[in-house]
Amino acid sequence: MSDLTRCPWSESSDMMRAYHDTEWGVPEYDSRALWEKLQLDGFQAGLSWSIILKKRDAFRELFAGFDPAQVAAFDAADIERLVIDERIIRSRAKIVATIGNARAYLAMQEAGEDFADFVWGMAGGTPILGDGVHVPVKSPLSEDMSKALKKRGFKFVGPVIVYAWLEACGVVDDHLATCWRHAGHMPSSPGASSPGHA
């Protein structure tokens, strides 16, 4: 598919091209998957996304498949184990935040608040279409969602991180209007037309 028009950032490598073509901007309605992507965007802060992609399999292995219930049970020994593992980003603050974020996710669940419903509800229920040209680093939505997440106990969820996450999860479609992945060029995915779809 090398003849397709893509967002320029995706042409830096085969890995980034594959990510762009199969994941970035695809609406995600599964709560656990949304939470995983938020954690990875937190780890990405200050780094390039390509670094996270290269380490994603290791992250998934070391963080129990990003199962919030398992991550929430991590203790001090787990933190020390993760801090010395060179296969991931060895930031103690980000590792501790991920464990805390798992507990915040579970607290929402226990309070009857589904994570996907929370995210898509704040966004109005459908992807927000951009043109891929006028792309902000944050938006009123990402600022509001950042505040709402922090209120629920999440960390490393500033408005810039949240905006990048919203793009990655297809809540905001910032593909170029000419890109083959832009919503205007893509058929709807079967069964993925409404919030709550897993």
N, C-alpha and C. Protein backbone atom coordinates (compact mmCIF):
# COMPACT_ATOMS: atom_id res chain seq x y z
N MET A 1 0.82 -1.20 0.00
CA MET A 1 0.00 0.00 0.00
C MET A 1 0.86 1.26 0.00
N SER A 2 2.00 1.17 -0.65
CA SER A 2 2.94 2.29 -0.65
C SER A 2 2.45 3.47 -1.49
N ASP A 3 1.44 3.24 -2.35
CA ASP A 3 0.96 4.31 -3.21
C ASP A 3 -0.14 5.13 -2.56
N LEU A 4 -0.52 4.78 -1.35
CA LEU A 4 -1.58 5.50 -0.65
C LEU A 4 -1.05 6.81 -0.07
N THR A 5 -1.93 7.80 0.01
CA THR A 5 -1.58 9.07 0.63
C THR A 5 -1.76 8.94 2.14
N ARG A 6 -0.69 9.24 2.88
CA ARG A 6 -0.71 9.12 4.34
C ARG A 6 -0.33 10.44 4.99
N CYS A 7 -0.55 10.50 6.29
CA CYS A 7 -0.05 11.61 7.08
C CYS A 7 1.48 11.55 7.04
N PRO A 8 2.15 12.65 6.75
CA PRO A 8 3.61 12.63 6.57
C PRO A 8 4.40 12.01 7.72
N TRP A 9 3.96 12.19 8.97
CA TRP A 9 4.71 11.67 10.12
C TRP A 9 4.85 10.16 10.07
N SER A 10 3.93 9.50 9.37
CA SER A 10 3.93 8.03 9.36
C SER A 10 4.96 7.43 8.41
N GLU A 11 5.56 8.27 7.58
CA GLU A 11 6.47 7.75 6.56
C GLU A 11 7.91 7.61 7.06
N SER A 12 8.12 7.79 8.36
CA SER A 12 9.49 7.74 8.89
C SER A 12 10.05 6.32 8.99
N SER A 13 9.17 5.32 9.07
CA SER A 13 9.64 3.94 9.14
C SER A 13 8.50 2.99 8.83
N ASP A 14 8.83 1.74 8.54
CA ASP A 14 7.80 0.73 8.29
C ASP A 14 6.94 0.54 9.53
N MET A 15 7.55 0.60 10.71
CA MET A 15 6.82 0.43 11.96
C MET A 15 5.78 1.53 12.14
N MET A 16 6.20 2.78 11.90
CA MET A 16 5.28 3.90 12.07
C MET A 16 4.19 3.86 10.99
N ARG A 17 4.55 3.43 9.79
CA ARG A 17 3.57 3.32 8.72
C ARG A 17 2.50 2.29 9.07
N ALA A 18 2.93 1.15 9.60
CA ALA A 18 1.98 0.11 9.99
C ALA A 18 1.09 0.59 11.14
N TYR A 19 1.67 1.31 12.08
CA TYR A 19 0.89 1.85 13.20
C TYR A 19 -0.17 2.82 12.68
N HIS A 20 0.25 3.70 11.79
CA HIS A 20 -0.67 4.66 11.19
C HIS A 20 -1.80 3.97 10.43
N ASP A 21 -1.45 2.95 9.69
CA ASP A 21 -2.43 2.29 8.81
C ASP A 21 -3.41 1.39 9.56
N THR A 22 -3.02 0.89 10.72
CA THR A 22 -3.86 -0.10 11.39
C THR A 22 -4.40 0.33 12.76
N GLU A 23 -3.78 1.35 13.39
CA GLU A 23 -4.18 1.69 14.75
C GLU A 23 -4.51 3.14 14.99
N TRP A 24 -3.62 4.04 14.60
CA TRP A 24 -3.75 5.44 14.99
C TRP A 24 -5.03 6.04 14.42
N GLY A 25 -5.84 6.58 15.28
CA GLY A 25 -7.07 7.22 14.84
C GLY A 25 -8.24 6.29 14.63
N VAL A 26 -8.04 4.99 14.90
CA VAL A 26 -9.15 4.04 14.78
C VAL A 26 -9.94 4.11 16.09
N PRO A 27 -11.24 4.39 16.04
CA PRO A 27 -12.02 4.52 17.27
C PRO A 27 -11.93 3.27 18.15
N GLU A 28 -11.55 3.49 19.39
CA GLU A 28 -11.41 2.40 20.36
C GLU A 28 -12.53 2.53 21.40
N TYR A 29 -13.32 1.49 21.56
CA TYR A 29 -14.45 1.53 22.49
C TYR A 29 -14.30 0.55 23.66
N ASP A 30 -13.18 -0.13 23.73
CA ASP A 30 -12.96 -1.08 24.82
C ASP A 30 -12.28 -0.37 25.99
N SER A 31 -12.87 -0.48 27.16
CA SER A 31 -12.36 0.26 28.32
C SER A 31 -10.92 -0.10 28.67
N ARG A 32 -10.62 -1.39 28.70
CA ARG A 32 -9.26 -1.81 29.07
C ARG A 32 -8.24 -1.30 28.06
N ALA A 33 -8.59 -1.43 26.77
CA ALA A 33 -7.67 -0.98 25.72
C ALA A 33 -7.45 0.53 25.78
N LEU A 34 -8.51 1.27 26.06
CA LEU A 34 -8.37 2.72 26.21
C LEU A 34 -7.44 3.04 27.37
N TRP A 35 -7.60 2.30 28.47
CA TRP A 35 -6.74 2.54 29.64
C TRP A 35 -5.28 2.21 29.32
N GLU A 36 -5.05 1.09 28.63
CA GLU A 36 -3.67 0.73 28.25
C GLU A 36 -3.03 1.83 27.43
N LYS A 37 -3.77 2.33 26.44
CA LYS A 37 -3.20 3.37 25.57
C LYS A 37 -2.91 4.65 26.34
N LEU A 38 -3.73 4.95 27.33
CA LEU A 38 -3.47 6.13 28.15
C LEU A 38 -2.17 5.96 28.94
N GLN A 39 -1.94 4.76 29.44
CA GLN A 39 -0.70 4.51 30.20
C GLN A 39 0.52 4.64 29.30
N LEU A 40 0.43 4.09 28.10
CA LEU A 40 1.55 4.17 27.17
C LEU A 40 1.81 5.61 26.74
N ASP A 41 0.74 6.40 26.58
CA ASP A 41 0.95 7.81 26.26
C ASP A 41 1.60 8.53 27.43
N GLY A 42 1.31 8.11 28.64
CA GLY A 42 1.98 8.69 29.80
C GLY A 42 3.47 8.38 29.79
N PHE A 43 3.82 7.15 29.44
CA PHE A 43 5.23 6.78 29.35
C PHE A 43 5.92 7.52 28.21
N GLN A 44 5.18 7.88 27.19
CA GLN A 44 5.76 8.54 26.03
C GLN A 44 6.16 9.98 26.32
N ALA A 45 5.57 10.59 27.33
CA ALA A 45 5.83 12.00 27.63
C ALA A 45 7.32 12.30 27.61
N GLY A 46 7.72 13.24 26.76
CA GLY A 46 9.12 13.63 26.65
C GLY A 46 9.93 12.77 25.70
N LEU A 47 9.32 11.75 25.13
CA LEU A 47 10.01 10.83 24.22
C LEU A 47 9.25 10.73 22.91
N SER A 48 9.81 10.02 21.94
CA SER A 48 9.11 9.81 20.68
C SER A 48 8.22 8.58 20.77
N TRP A 49 7.13 8.60 20.03
CA TRP A 49 6.20 7.48 20.06
C TRP A 49 6.85 6.21 19.50
N SER A 50 7.79 6.37 18.59
CA SER A 50 8.44 5.19 18.01
C SER A 50 9.16 4.38 19.10
N ILE A 51 9.71 5.06 20.11
CA ILE A 51 10.38 4.37 21.21
C ILE A 51 9.38 3.50 21.96
N ILE A 52 8.18 4.05 22.21
CA ILE A 52 7.14 3.29 22.91
C ILE A 52 6.69 2.10 22.08
N LEU A 53 6.51 2.30 20.79
CA LEU A 53 6.08 1.19 19.93
C LEU A 53 7.10 0.05 19.97
N LYS A 54 8.37 0.39 19.93
CA LYS A 54 9.41 -0.64 19.96
C LYS A 54 9.40 -1.42 21.28
N LYS A 55 8.97 -0.77 22.34
CA LYS A 55 8.98 -1.39 23.66
C LYS A 55 7.60 -1.89 24.09
N ARG A 56 6.60 -1.74 23.24
CA ARG A 56 5.22 -2.03 23.66
C ARG A 56 5.02 -3.49 24.08
N ASP A 57 5.59 -4.41 23.35
CA ASP A 57 5.43 -5.82 23.73
C ASP A 57 6.03 -6.10 25.11
N ALA A 58 7.18 -5.47 25.39
CA ALA A 58 7.80 -5.64 26.71
C ALA A 58 6.94 -5.00 27.79
N PHE A 59 6.38 -3.82 27.50
CA PHE A 59 5.48 -3.18 28.45
C PHE A 59 4.31 -4.11 28.78
N ARG A 60 3.74 -4.69 27.73
CA ARG A 60 2.59 -5.58 27.94
C ARG A 60 2.96 -6.80 28.77
N GLU A 61 4.14 -7.32 28.52
CA GLU A 61 4.59 -8.49 29.29
C GLU A 61 4.80 -8.13 30.76
N LEU A 62 5.48 -7.02 30.99
CA LEU A 62 5.85 -6.66 32.36
C LEU A 62 4.70 -6.06 33.17
N PHE A 63 3.70 -5.53 32.47
CA PHE A 63 2.53 -4.96 33.15
C PHE A 63 1.31 -5.87 33.02
N ALA A 64 1.54 -7.17 32.97
CA ALA A 64 0.45 -8.17 33.03
C ALA A 64 -0.62 -7.93 31.98
N GLY A 65 -0.17 -7.63 30.75
CA GLY A 65 -1.12 -7.40 29.68
C GLY A 65 -1.98 -6.16 29.90
N PHE A 66 -1.49 -5.26 30.75
CA PHE A 66 -2.25 -4.06 31.13
C PHE A 66 -3.65 -4.42 31.61
N ASP A 67 -3.71 -5.46 32.43
CA ASP A 67 -4.95 -5.82 33.12
C ASP A 67 -5.00 -4.96 34.37
N PRO A 68 -5.93 -4.00 34.46
CA PRO A 68 -5.94 -3.09 35.61
C PRO A 68 -5.99 -3.79 36.96
N ALA A 69 -6.74 -4.89 37.05
CA ALA A 69 -6.85 -5.60 38.32
C ALA A 69 -5.50 -6.15 38.77
N GLN A 70 -4.72 -6.67 37.82
CA GLN A 70 -3.40 -7.21 38.17
C GLN A 70 -2.40 -6.09 38.47
N VAL A 71 -2.44 -5.03 37.66
CA VAL A 71 -1.50 -3.92 37.86
C VAL A 71 -1.78 -3.22 39.18
N ALA A 72 -3.04 -3.11 39.55
CA ALA A 72 -3.41 -2.44 40.80
C ALA A 72 -2.84 -3.17 42.01
N ALA A 73 -2.56 -4.46 41.84
CA ALA A 73 -2.02 -5.26 42.95
C ALA A 73 -0.49 -5.22 43.04
N PHE A 74 0.17 -4.52 42.10
CA PHE A 74 1.62 -4.43 42.15
C PHE A 74 2.05 -3.75 43.45
N ASP A 75 3.18 -4.24 43.99
CA ASP A 75 3.69 -3.68 45.25
C ASP A 75 5.09 -3.11 45.06
N ALA A 76 5.74 -2.80 46.17
CA ALA A 76 7.08 -2.18 46.12
C ALA A 76 8.08 -3.06 45.38
N ALA A 77 7.97 -4.37 45.55
CA ALA A 77 8.89 -5.29 44.86
C ALA A 77 8.68 -5.22 43.36
N ASP A 78 7.44 -5.08 42.94
CA ASP A 78 7.15 -4.96 41.51
C ASP A 78 7.73 -3.67 40.95
N ILE A 79 7.62 -2.60 41.71
CA ILE A 79 8.17 -1.32 41.27
C ILE A 79 9.68 -1.45 41.06
N GLU A 80 10.37 -2.07 42.02
CA GLU A 80 11.82 -2.24 41.89
C GLU A 80 12.16 -3.13 40.70
N ARG A 81 11.36 -4.15 40.48
CA ARG A 81 11.56 -5.05 39.33
C ARG A 81 11.44 -4.28 38.01
N LEU A 82 10.48 -3.40 37.94
CA LEU A 82 10.24 -2.65 36.71
C LEU A 82 11.28 -1.56 36.49
N VAL A 83 11.70 -0.92 37.56
CA VAL A 83 12.65 0.19 37.46
C VAL A 83 14.00 -0.27 36.87
N ILE A 84 14.37 -1.53 37.08
CA ILE A 84 15.67 -2.00 36.58
C ILE A 84 15.57 -2.75 35.26
N ASP A 85 14.36 -2.88 34.71
CA ASP A 85 14.20 -3.63 33.46
C ASP A 85 14.42 -2.71 32.26
N GLU A 86 15.50 -2.94 31.54
CA GLU A 86 15.89 -2.06 30.44
C GLU A 86 14.99 -2.18 29.21
N ARG A 87 14.08 -3.12 29.23
CA ARG A 87 13.19 -3.28 28.07
C ARG A 87 12.09 -2.23 28.01
N ILE A 88 11.89 -1.50 29.10
CA ILE A 88 10.84 -0.48 29.13
C ILE A 88 11.44 0.86 29.52
N ILE A 89 10.59 1.88 29.64
CA ILE A 89 11.03 3.19 30.12
C ILE A 89 11.11 3.10 31.64
N ARG A 90 12.32 3.25 32.17
CA ARG A 90 12.54 3.00 33.61
C ARG A 90 12.34 4.27 34.45
N SER A 91 11.17 4.85 34.31
CA SER A 91 10.84 6.03 35.10
C SER A 91 10.02 5.60 36.31
N ARG A 92 10.59 5.76 37.48
CA ARG A 92 9.89 5.36 38.69
C ARG A 92 8.55 6.09 38.81
N ALA A 93 8.56 7.40 38.52
CA ALA A 93 7.34 8.19 38.65
C ALA A 93 6.24 7.67 37.72
N LYS A 94 6.61 7.30 36.50
CA LYS A 94 5.61 6.81 35.54
C LYS A 94 5.14 5.41 35.90
N ILE A 95 6.03 4.61 36.42
CA ILE A 95 5.66 3.25 36.85
C ILE A 95 4.69 3.32 38.03
N VAL A 96 5.01 4.15 39.01
CA VAL A 96 4.14 4.32 40.17
C VAL A 96 2.79 4.89 39.73
N ALA A 97 2.83 5.83 38.78
CA ALA A 97 1.58 6.43 38.29
C ALA A 97 0.71 5.39 37.61
N THR A 98 1.31 4.48 36.86
CA THR A 98 0.54 3.45 36.17
C THR A 98 -0.18 2.54 37.16
N ILE A 99 0.49 2.20 38.25
CA ILE A 99 -0.13 1.37 39.29
C ILE A 99 -1.29 2.15 39.94
N GLY A 100 -1.05 3.41 40.23
CA GLY A 100 -2.11 4.25 40.79
C GLY A 100 -3.27 4.42 39.82
N ASN A 101 -2.95 4.52 38.54
CA ASN A 101 -4.00 4.69 37.53
C ASN A 101 -4.84 3.42 37.40
N ALA A 102 -4.23 2.28 37.62
CA ALA A 102 -5.00 1.03 37.61
C ALA A 102 -6.00 1.03 38.76
N ARG A 103 -5.56 1.53 39.90
CA ARG A 103 -6.45 1.59 41.06
C ARG A 103 -7.56 2.62 40.83
N ALA A 104 -7.23 3.73 40.15
CA ALA A 104 -8.25 4.73 39.84
C ALA A 104 -9.27 4.17 38.85
N TYR A 105 -8.79 3.41 37.88
CA TYR A 105 -9.67 2.75 36.90
C TYR A 105 -10.64 1.82 37.61
N LEU A 106 -10.12 1.01 38.53
CA LEU A 106 -10.96 0.07 39.27
C LEU A 106 -11.95 0.80 40.17
N ALA A 107 -11.52 1.92 40.73
CA ALA A 107 -12.42 2.71 41.58
C ALA A 107 -13.60 3.24 40.76
N MET A 108 -13.32 3.68 39.55
CA MET A 108 -14.40 4.12 38.66
C MET A 108 -15.36 2.96 38.39
N GLN A 109 -14.78 1.81 38.09
CA GLN A 109 -15.57 0.62 37.80
C GLN A 109 -16.47 0.26 38.98
N GLU A 110 -15.88 0.28 40.16
CA GLU A 110 -16.63 -0.07 41.37
C GLU A 110 -17.74 0.94 41.66
N ALA A 111 -17.53 2.18 41.21
CA ALA A 111 -18.55 3.21 41.40
C ALA A 111 -19.61 3.19 40.29
N GLY A 112 -19.48 2.22 39.39
CA GLY A 112 -20.45 2.08 38.31
C GLY A 112 -20.17 2.96 37.11
N GLU A 113 -18.94 3.47 37.01
CA GLU A 113 -18.57 4.36 35.91
C GLU A 113 -17.66 3.61 34.94
N ASP A 114 -18.19 3.25 33.78
CA ASP A 114 -17.41 2.55 32.77
C ASP A 114 -16.42 3.52 32.11
N PHE A 115 -15.17 3.10 31.96
CA PHE A 115 -14.14 4.00 31.45
C PHE A 115 -14.43 4.45 30.03
N ALA A 116 -14.84 3.51 29.17
CA ALA A 116 -15.14 3.88 27.79
C ALA A 116 -16.33 4.83 27.71
N ASP A 117 -17.35 4.57 28.50
CA ASP A 117 -18.52 5.45 28.51
C ASP A 117 -18.14 6.85 28.99
N PHE A 118 -17.24 6.90 29.98
CA PHE A 118 -16.76 8.18 30.49
C PHE A 118 -16.04 8.96 29.39
N VAL A 119 -15.12 8.28 28.68
CA VAL A 119 -14.33 8.95 27.63
C VAL A 119 -15.23 9.42 26.49
N TRP A 120 -15.99 8.49 25.94
CA TRP A 120 -16.82 8.83 24.78
C TRP A 120 -17.97 9.76 25.15
N GLY A 121 -18.43 9.66 26.38
CA GLY A 121 -19.49 10.56 26.82
C GLY A 121 -19.02 12.00 26.83
N MET A 122 -17.80 12.22 27.32
CA MET A 122 -17.25 13.58 27.34
C MET A 122 -17.01 14.10 25.93
N ALA A 123 -16.76 13.19 25.00
CA ALA A 123 -16.47 13.59 23.61
C ALA A 123 -17.74 13.75 22.78
N GLY A 124 -18.88 13.44 23.35
CA GLY A 124 -20.12 13.59 22.61
C GLY A 124 -20.58 12.33 21.90
N GLY A 125 -19.86 11.22 22.10
CA GLY A 125 -20.31 9.93 21.58
C GLY A 125 -19.80 9.53 20.21
N THR A 126 -19.27 10.46 19.45
CA THR A 126 -18.76 10.14 18.12
C THR A 126 -17.41 10.82 17.89
N PRO A 127 -16.57 10.26 16.98
CA PRO A 127 -15.27 10.87 16.72
C PRO A 127 -15.39 12.33 16.27
N ILE A 128 -14.46 13.14 16.74
CA ILE A 128 -14.41 14.55 16.38
C ILE A 128 -13.46 14.69 15.20
N LEU A 129 -13.95 15.16 14.08
CA LEU A 129 -13.15 15.23 12.86
C LEU A 129 -12.33 16.50 12.78
N GLY A 130 -11.02 16.32 12.57
CA GLY A 130 -10.14 17.43 12.29
C GLY A 130 -9.73 17.37 10.83
N ASP A 131 -8.81 18.25 10.43
CA ASP A 131 -8.35 18.23 9.04
C ASP A 131 -6.89 17.78 8.93
N GLY A 132 -6.26 17.52 10.08
CA GLY A 132 -4.87 17.07 10.06
C GLY A 132 -3.87 18.17 9.78
N VAL A 133 -4.36 19.38 9.58
CA VAL A 133 -3.47 20.51 9.29
C VAL A 133 -3.41 21.43 10.50
N HIS A 134 -4.59 21.82 10.98
CA HIS A 134 -4.66 22.69 12.15
C HIS A 134 -4.82 21.81 13.39
N VAL A 135 -3.70 21.27 13.82
CA VAL A 135 -3.71 20.30 14.93
C VAL A 135 -3.12 20.95 16.18
N PRO A 136 -3.94 21.12 17.21
CA PRO A 136 -3.43 21.73 18.45
C PRO A 136 -2.67 20.71 19.28
N VAL A 137 -1.93 21.17 20.26
CA VAL A 137 -1.26 20.24 21.18
C VAL A 137 -2.21 19.86 22.30
N LYS A 138 -3.25 20.68 22.49
CA LYS A 138 -4.30 20.37 23.47
C LYS A 138 -5.57 21.07 22.99
N SER A 139 -6.68 20.71 23.60
CA SER A 139 -7.96 21.28 23.20
C SER A 139 -8.83 21.47 24.43
N PRO A 140 -9.94 22.20 24.31
CA PRO A 140 -10.85 22.31 25.45
C PRO A 140 -11.29 20.93 25.97
N LEU A 141 -11.52 19.99 25.05
CA LEU A 141 -11.91 18.64 25.48
C LEU A 141 -10.79 17.97 26.26
N SER A 142 -9.56 18.06 25.76
CA SER A 142 -8.45 17.39 26.47
C SER A 142 -8.19 18.05 27.82
N GLU A 143 -8.42 19.35 27.91
CA GLU A 143 -8.26 20.04 29.19
C GLU A 143 -9.34 19.60 30.18
N ASP A 144 -10.58 19.50 29.69
CA ASP A 144 -11.68 19.06 30.57
C ASP A 144 -11.49 17.61 31.00
N MET A 145 -11.05 16.76 30.05
CA MET A 145 -10.88 15.36 30.37
C MET A 145 -9.69 15.17 31.31
N SER A 146 -8.64 15.95 31.11
CA SER A 146 -7.49 15.90 32.01
C SER A 146 -7.93 16.22 33.44
N LYS A 147 -8.72 17.26 33.60
CA LYS A 147 -9.21 17.64 34.93
C LYS A 147 -10.07 16.53 35.52
N ALA A 148 -10.94 15.94 34.69
CA ALA A 148 -11.83 14.89 35.17
C ALA A 148 -11.05 13.64 35.58
N LEU A 149 -10.01 13.31 34.82
CA LEU A 149 -9.18 12.16 35.16
C LEU A 149 -8.39 12.41 36.45
N LYS A 150 -7.82 13.60 36.57
CA LYS A 150 -7.06 13.94 37.78
C LYS A 150 -7.97 13.89 39.01
N LYS A 151 -9.22 14.36 38.85
CA LYS A 151 -10.18 14.33 39.95
C LYS A 151 -10.44 12.90 40.41
N ARG A 152 -10.32 11.95 39.46
CA ARG A 152 -10.55 10.54 39.77
C ARG A 152 -9.28 9.83 40.23
N GLY A 153 -8.19 10.58 40.36
CA GLY A 153 -6.96 10.01 40.91
C GLY A 153 -5.89 9.62 39.90
N PHE A 154 -6.11 9.93 38.62
CA PHE A 154 -5.12 9.59 37.60
C PHE A 154 -3.96 10.59 37.60
N LYS A 155 -2.77 10.08 37.22
CA LYS A 155 -1.59 10.93 37.09
C LYS A 155 -0.98 10.73 35.69
N PHE A 156 -0.11 11.69 35.30
CA PHE A 156 0.45 11.73 33.94
C PHE A 156 -0.67 11.77 32.92
N VAL A 157 -1.63 12.65 33.20
CA VAL A 157 -2.78 12.83 32.30
C VAL A 157 -3.02 14.32 32.07
N GLY A 158 -1.92 15.04 31.81
CA GLY A 158 -2.06 16.46 31.48
C GLY A 158 -2.77 16.61 30.15
N PRO A 159 -3.24 17.80 29.82
CA PRO A 159 -4.02 18.00 28.59
C PRO A 159 -3.29 17.69 27.30
N VAL A 160 -1.96 17.82 27.27
CA VAL A 160 -1.20 17.49 26.06
C VAL A 160 -1.14 15.97 25.88
N ILE A 161 -0.85 15.26 26.97
CA ILE A 161 -0.85 13.80 26.92
C ILE A 161 -2.23 13.29 26.53
N VAL A 162 -3.26 13.86 27.15
CA VAL A 162 -4.63 13.42 26.87
C VAL A 162 -5.00 13.68 25.42
N TYR A 163 -4.57 14.81 24.87
CA TYR A 163 -4.92 15.08 23.47
C TYR A 163 -4.27 14.05 22.54
N ALA A 164 -3.01 13.73 22.76
CA ALA A 164 -2.33 12.72 21.95
C ALA A 164 -3.04 11.37 22.07
N TRP A 165 -3.50 11.06 23.27
CA TRP A 165 -4.24 9.81 23.52
C TRP A 165 -5.57 9.81 22.78
N LEU A 166 -6.28 10.93 22.82
CA LEU A 166 -7.56 11.02 22.10
C LEU A 166 -7.37 10.82 20.61
N GLU A 167 -6.27 11.35 20.07
CA GLU A 167 -5.96 11.13 18.65
C GLU A 167 -5.68 9.65 18.39
N ALA A 168 -4.85 9.05 19.23
CA ALA A 168 -4.45 7.66 19.03
C ALA A 168 -5.66 6.73 19.08
N CYS A 169 -6.62 7.06 19.95
CA CYS A 169 -7.80 6.20 20.16
C CYS A 169 -8.96 6.54 19.24
N GLY A 170 -8.76 7.48 18.33
CA GLY A 170 -9.81 7.80 17.37
C GLY A 170 -10.95 8.62 17.94
N VAL A 171 -10.79 9.11 19.16
CA VAL A 171 -11.81 10.01 19.70
C VAL A 171 -11.75 11.32 18.92
N VAL A 172 -10.54 11.70 18.55
CA VAL A 172 -10.30 12.82 17.65
C VAL A 172 -9.63 12.26 16.40
N ASP A 173 -10.17 12.56 15.23
CA ASP A 173 -9.59 12.10 13.97
C ASP A 173 -8.77 13.24 13.38
N ASP A 174 -7.45 13.18 13.57
CA ASP A 174 -6.57 14.22 13.06
C ASP A 174 -5.75 13.75 11.85
N HIS A 175 -6.24 12.71 11.17
CA HIS A 175 -5.62 12.36 9.89
C HIS A 175 -5.83 13.52 8.92
N LEU A 176 -4.86 13.72 8.04
CA LEU A 176 -5.04 14.70 6.98
C LEU A 176 -6.31 14.37 6.20
N ALA A 177 -7.00 15.39 5.74
CA ALA A 177 -8.23 15.16 4.97
C ALA A 177 -7.95 14.34 3.72
N THR A 178 -6.70 14.41 3.23
CA THR A 178 -6.34 13.65 2.02
C THR A 178 -5.81 12.25 2.33
N CYS A 179 -5.60 11.96 3.61
CA CYS A 179 -5.06 10.66 4.01
C CYS A 179 -6.11 9.57 3.82
N TRP A 180 -5.67 8.42 3.37
CA TRP A 180 -6.63 7.33 3.12
C TRP A 180 -7.29 6.84 4.40
N ARG A 181 -6.69 7.15 5.57
CA ARG A 181 -7.28 6.71 6.83
C ARG A 181 -8.26 7.73 7.41
N HIS A 182 -8.37 8.90 6.82
CA HIS A 182 -9.31 9.89 7.32
C HIS A 182 -10.73 9.34 7.21
N ALA A 183 -11.55 9.68 8.19
CA ALA A 183 -12.91 9.12 8.24
C ALA A 183 -13.68 9.32 6.95
N GLY A 184 -13.40 10.39 6.25
CA GLY A 184 -14.11 10.65 5.00
C GLY A 184 -13.80 9.65 3.91
N HIS A 185 -12.71 8.91 4.08
CA HIS A 185 -12.30 7.93 3.07
C HIS A 185 -12.50 6.49 3.52
N MET A 186 -12.85 6.31 4.80
CA MET A 186 -12.91 4.96 5.36
C MET A 186 -14.34 4.50 5.58
N PRO A 187 -14.65 3.25 5.23
CA PRO A 187 -15.95 2.71 5.58
C PRO A 187 -16.02 2.49 7.09
N SER A 188 -17.19 2.55 7.67
CA SER A 188 -17.33 2.31 9.11
C SER A 188 -16.98 0.87 9.43
N SER A 189 -16.29 0.66 10.56
CA SER A 189 -15.95 -0.69 10.98
C SER A 189 -17.20 -1.40 11.47
N PRO A 190 -17.43 -2.63 11.05
CA PRO A 190 -18.61 -3.36 11.48
C PRO A 190 -18.68 -3.45 13.01
N GLY A 191 -19.82 -3.05 13.55
CA GLY A 191 -20.03 -3.21 14.98
C GLY A 191 -19.32 -2.18 15.85
N ALA A 192 -18.62 -1.24 15.22
CA ALA A 192 -17.88 -0.25 16.02
C ALA A 192 -18.47 1.13 15.84
N SER A 193 -19.78 1.22 15.84
CA SER A 193 -20.41 2.49 15.57
C SER A 193 -20.95 3.19 16.81
N SER A 194 -20.84 2.54 17.95
CA SER A 194 -21.39 3.17 19.15
C SER A 194 -20.50 2.93 20.35
N PRO A 195 -20.46 3.90 21.28
CA PRO A 195 -19.67 3.75 22.48
C PRO A 195 -20.08 2.49 23.24
N GLY A 196 -19.11 1.89 23.90
CA GLY A 196 -19.38 0.69 24.68
C GLY A 196 -19.07 -0.58 23.93
N HIS A 197 -18.80 -0.48 22.62
CA HIS A 197 -18.46 -1.68 21.87
C HIS A 197 -17.07 -2.16 22.25
N ALA A 198 -16.96 -3.41 22.57
CA ALA A 198 -15.66 -3.97 22.98
C ALA A 198 -15.03 -4.72 21.81
